[in-house]
Amino acid sequence: MNDSDVYANYIRDVIYIIRERASSSMEKARQTSSEFDDGRVSSFREVLALMQSQADAFGISRSEICLDGFDAWTGPIDPPVV
């Protein structure tokens, strides 16, 4: 495995984990209605939106790094089923 593959796998895994945590936080926010949980979801959404924007700017395919198939600002952001 070359360095490029290692970095791509790292990025893909980190994004997948962020989406998992964001999804979990969204569920918790629905159950608790706390401002803290709402803020946490907003933070995850902002990070994912930034990552999508930067992937586009660098010409990286969103589908290659688990950033496709969702709008970071609206709706579900569950990670893809593997």
N, C-alpha and C. Protein backbone atom coordinates (compact mmCIF):
# COMPACT_ATOMS: atom_id res chain seq x y z
N MET A 1 0.85 -1.17 0.00
CA MET A 1 0.00 0.00 0.00
C MET A 1 0.90 1.24 0.00
N ASN A 2 0.64 2.15 -0.91
CA ASN A 2 1.46 3.36 -0.97
C ASN A 2 0.90 4.45 -0.06
N ASP A 3 1.69 5.52 0.11
CA ASP A 3 1.28 6.61 1.00
C ASP A 3 -0.06 7.21 0.62
N SER A 4 -0.31 7.32 -0.68
CA SER A 4 -1.57 7.90 -1.14
C SER A 4 -2.76 7.08 -0.67
N ASP A 5 -2.64 5.76 -0.72
CA ASP A 5 -3.72 4.89 -0.24
C ASP A 5 -3.92 5.03 1.26
N VAL A 6 -2.83 5.14 1.99
CA VAL A 6 -2.92 5.29 3.45
C VAL A 6 -3.67 6.56 3.79
N TYR A 7 -3.33 7.67 3.14
CA TYR A 7 -4.00 8.94 3.42
C TYR A 7 -5.48 8.88 3.03
N ALA A 8 -5.77 8.29 1.89
CA ALA A 8 -7.17 8.18 1.45
C ALA A 8 -7.98 7.34 2.44
N ASN A 9 -7.41 6.23 2.90
CA ASN A 9 -8.10 5.39 3.87
C ASN A 9 -8.30 6.12 5.19
N TYR A 10 -7.30 6.86 5.61
CA TYR A 10 -7.39 7.64 6.85
C TYR A 10 -8.53 8.66 6.75
N ILE A 11 -8.56 9.41 5.67
CA ILE A 11 -9.58 10.44 5.48
C ILE A 11 -10.97 9.80 5.44
N ARG A 12 -11.11 8.72 4.69
CA ARG A 12 -12.39 8.03 4.58
C ARG A 12 -12.86 7.55 5.96
N ASP A 13 -11.97 6.96 6.73
CA ASP A 13 -12.34 6.46 8.05
C ASP A 13 -12.74 7.58 9.00
N VAL A 14 -11.98 8.67 8.99
CA VAL A 14 -12.30 9.79 9.88
C VAL A 14 -13.66 10.39 9.53
N ILE A 15 -13.93 10.55 8.26
CA ILE A 15 -15.22 11.09 7.84
C ILE A 15 -16.35 10.15 8.23
N TYR A 16 -16.14 8.86 8.04
CA TYR A 16 -17.15 7.87 8.43
C TYR A 16 -17.45 7.99 9.92
N ILE A 17 -16.40 8.08 10.75
CA ILE A 17 -16.57 8.20 12.20
C ILE A 17 -17.29 9.49 12.56
N ILE A 18 -16.94 10.59 11.90
CA ILE A 18 -17.62 11.87 12.15
C ILE A 18 -19.11 11.73 11.83
N ARG A 19 -19.43 11.08 10.72
CA ARG A 19 -20.84 10.90 10.35
C ARG A 19 -21.56 10.01 11.35
N GLU A 20 -20.90 8.97 11.86
CA GLU A 20 -21.50 8.12 12.89
C GLU A 20 -21.82 8.93 14.14
N ARG A 21 -20.84 9.71 14.58
CA ARG A 21 -21.03 10.50 15.80
C ARG A 21 -22.08 11.58 15.60
N ALA A 22 -22.11 12.17 14.42
CA ALA A 22 -23.12 13.18 14.13
C ALA A 22 -24.51 12.57 14.17
N SER A 23 -24.65 11.41 13.57
CA SER A 23 -25.94 10.72 13.56
C SER A 23 -26.38 10.38 14.97
N SER A 24 -25.46 9.88 15.77
CA SER A 24 -25.75 9.56 17.16
C SER A 24 -26.16 10.81 17.94
N SER A 25 -25.46 11.90 17.70
CA SER A 25 -25.77 13.16 18.37
C SER A 25 -27.14 13.69 17.95
N MET A 26 -27.49 13.49 16.67
CA MET A 26 -28.81 13.92 16.20
C MET A 26 -29.90 13.16 16.94
N GLU A 27 -29.71 11.86 17.09
CA GLU A 27 -30.69 11.04 17.80
C GLU A 27 -30.81 11.49 19.26
N LYS A 28 -29.67 11.73 19.90
CA LYS A 28 -29.68 12.17 21.29
C LYS A 28 -30.36 13.54 21.42
N ALA A 29 -30.08 14.43 20.47
CA ALA A 29 -30.70 15.76 20.50
C ALA A 29 -32.21 15.67 20.36
N ARG A 30 -32.70 14.73 19.54
CA ARG A 30 -34.14 14.54 19.40
C ARG A 30 -34.76 14.06 20.71
N GLN A 31 -34.03 13.21 21.43
CA GLN A 31 -34.55 12.64 22.66
C GLN A 31 -34.47 13.62 23.84
N THR A 32 -33.41 14.41 23.91
CA THR A 32 -33.20 15.26 25.09
C THR A 32 -33.64 16.70 24.90
N SER A 33 -33.66 17.16 23.67
CA SER A 33 -33.98 18.56 23.36
C SER A 33 -33.08 19.54 24.11
N SER A 34 -31.83 19.15 24.32
CA SER A 34 -30.91 20.05 25.03
C SER A 34 -30.17 20.94 24.05
N GLU A 35 -29.86 22.13 24.49
CA GLU A 35 -29.11 23.08 23.66
C GLU A 35 -27.70 22.55 23.37
N PHE A 36 -27.11 21.87 24.33
CA PHE A 36 -25.78 21.31 24.14
C PHE A 36 -25.78 20.32 22.98
N ASP A 37 -26.72 19.39 22.98
CA ASP A 37 -26.78 18.39 21.92
C ASP A 37 -27.10 19.03 20.57
N ASP A 38 -27.97 20.02 20.56
CA ASP A 38 -28.26 20.75 19.32
C ASP A 38 -27.00 21.42 18.78
N GLY A 39 -26.22 22.02 19.68
CA GLY A 39 -24.98 22.67 19.29
C GLY A 39 -23.96 21.68 18.75
N ARG A 40 -23.91 20.52 19.35
CA ARG A 40 -22.99 19.47 18.90
C ARG A 40 -23.35 19.04 17.48
N VAL A 41 -24.63 18.86 17.20
CA VAL A 41 -25.07 18.49 15.86
C VAL A 41 -24.69 19.59 14.86
N SER A 42 -24.91 20.83 15.24
CA SER A 42 -24.55 21.95 14.36
C SER A 42 -23.05 21.95 14.05
N SER A 43 -22.25 21.65 15.05
CA SER A 43 -20.80 21.62 14.85
C SER A 43 -20.41 20.51 13.88
N PHE A 44 -20.98 19.33 14.06
CA PHE A 44 -20.69 18.23 13.14
C PHE A 44 -21.11 18.61 11.72
N ARG A 45 -22.28 19.23 11.58
CA ARG A 45 -22.75 19.64 10.26
C ARG A 45 -21.79 20.64 9.62
N GLU A 46 -21.30 21.58 10.41
CA GLU A 46 -20.36 22.57 9.87
C GLU A 46 -19.07 21.91 9.41
N VAL A 47 -18.56 20.98 10.19
CA VAL A 47 -17.33 20.26 9.81
C VAL A 47 -17.55 19.48 8.51
N LEU A 48 -18.66 18.76 8.42
CA LEU A 48 -18.92 17.99 7.21
C LEU A 48 -19.12 18.88 5.99
N ALA A 49 -19.78 20.01 6.16
CA ALA A 49 -19.96 20.95 5.05
C ALA A 49 -18.61 21.50 4.59
N LEU A 50 -17.75 21.82 5.54
CA LEU A 50 -16.41 22.31 5.20
C LEU A 50 -15.62 21.24 4.46
N MET A 51 -15.72 20.01 4.92
CA MET A 51 -14.99 18.92 4.27
C MET A 51 -15.51 18.68 2.85
N GLN A 52 -16.82 18.79 2.65
CA GLN A 52 -17.37 18.67 1.30
C GLN A 52 -16.85 19.79 0.41
N SER A 53 -16.86 20.99 0.93
CA SER A 53 -16.40 22.14 0.16
C SER A 53 -14.92 22.00 -0.23
N GLN A 54 -14.11 21.57 0.71
CA GLN A 54 -12.68 21.41 0.45
C GLN A 54 -12.43 20.25 -0.52
N ALA A 55 -13.20 19.18 -0.41
CA ALA A 55 -13.05 18.08 -1.36
C ALA A 55 -13.33 18.59 -2.77
N ASP A 56 -14.40 19.38 -2.91
CA ASP A 56 -14.72 19.96 -4.22
C ASP A 56 -13.60 20.86 -4.71
N ALA A 57 -13.07 21.70 -3.84
CA ALA A 57 -12.01 22.63 -4.21
C ALA A 57 -10.74 21.91 -4.66
N PHE A 58 -10.46 20.76 -4.04
CA PHE A 58 -9.25 20.01 -4.38
C PHE A 58 -9.48 18.96 -5.46
N GLY A 59 -10.72 18.90 -5.97
CA GLY A 59 -11.04 17.95 -7.02
C GLY A 59 -11.08 16.51 -6.54
N ILE A 60 -11.40 16.31 -5.26
CA ILE A 60 -11.52 14.97 -4.69
C ILE A 60 -12.97 14.54 -4.79
N SER A 61 -13.18 13.37 -5.32
CA SER A 61 -14.54 12.84 -5.47
C SER A 61 -15.15 12.61 -4.09
N ARG A 62 -16.31 13.19 -3.85
CA ARG A 62 -17.00 13.01 -2.57
C ARG A 62 -17.29 11.53 -2.30
N SER A 63 -17.61 10.80 -3.33
CA SER A 63 -17.95 9.39 -3.15
C SER A 63 -16.76 8.56 -2.66
N GLU A 64 -15.56 8.97 -2.99
CA GLU A 64 -14.36 8.24 -2.58
C GLU A 64 -14.06 8.37 -1.09
N ILE A 65 -14.62 9.41 -0.45
CA ILE A 65 -14.28 9.67 0.96
C ILE A 65 -15.51 9.81 1.86
N CYS A 66 -16.60 9.15 1.48
CA CYS A 66 -17.83 9.10 2.30
C CYS A 66 -18.49 10.46 2.50
N LEU A 67 -18.36 11.35 1.54
CA LEU A 67 -18.99 12.67 1.67
C LEU A 67 -20.11 12.88 0.66
N ASP A 68 -20.56 11.82 0.02
CA ASP A 68 -21.62 11.98 -0.97
C ASP A 68 -22.95 11.47 -0.43
N GLY A 69 -24.02 11.82 -1.12
CA GLY A 69 -25.34 11.30 -0.79
C GLY A 69 -26.07 11.99 0.34
N PHE A 70 -25.58 13.13 0.79
CA PHE A 70 -26.27 13.87 1.84
C PHE A 70 -25.93 15.35 1.74
N ASP A 71 -26.82 16.15 2.29
CA ASP A 71 -26.59 17.59 2.42
C ASP A 71 -26.17 17.83 3.86
N ALA A 72 -24.98 18.33 4.06
CA ALA A 72 -24.45 18.51 5.42
C ALA A 72 -25.31 19.43 6.28
N TRP A 73 -26.08 20.32 5.65
CA TRP A 73 -26.85 21.29 6.43
C TRP A 73 -28.27 20.85 6.74
N THR A 74 -28.79 19.89 5.98
CA THR A 74 -30.18 19.46 6.19
C THR A 74 -30.29 17.96 6.12
N GLY A 75 -31.27 17.43 6.79
CA GLY A 75 -31.58 16.00 6.69
C GLY A 75 -30.57 15.11 7.38
N PRO A 76 -30.74 13.81 7.17
CA PRO A 76 -29.88 12.83 7.84
C PRO A 76 -28.46 12.85 7.28
N ILE A 77 -27.51 12.54 8.13
CA ILE A 77 -26.10 12.47 7.72
C ILE A 77 -25.49 11.14 8.14
N ASP A 78 -26.34 10.13 8.23
CA ASP A 78 -25.87 8.80 8.60
C ASP A 78 -24.76 8.34 7.66
N PRO A 79 -23.79 7.61 8.18
CA PRO A 79 -22.75 7.08 7.29
C PRO A 79 -23.33 6.01 6.38
N PRO A 80 -22.69 5.77 5.26
CA PRO A 80 -23.20 4.73 4.36
C PRO A 80 -23.09 3.35 5.01
N VAL A 81 -23.97 2.47 4.62
CA VAL A 81 -23.92 1.09 5.12
C VAL A 81 -22.77 0.39 4.41
N VAL A 82 -21.92 -0.23 5.21
CA VAL A 82 -20.74 -0.90 4.63
C VAL A 82 -20.96 -2.38 4.59
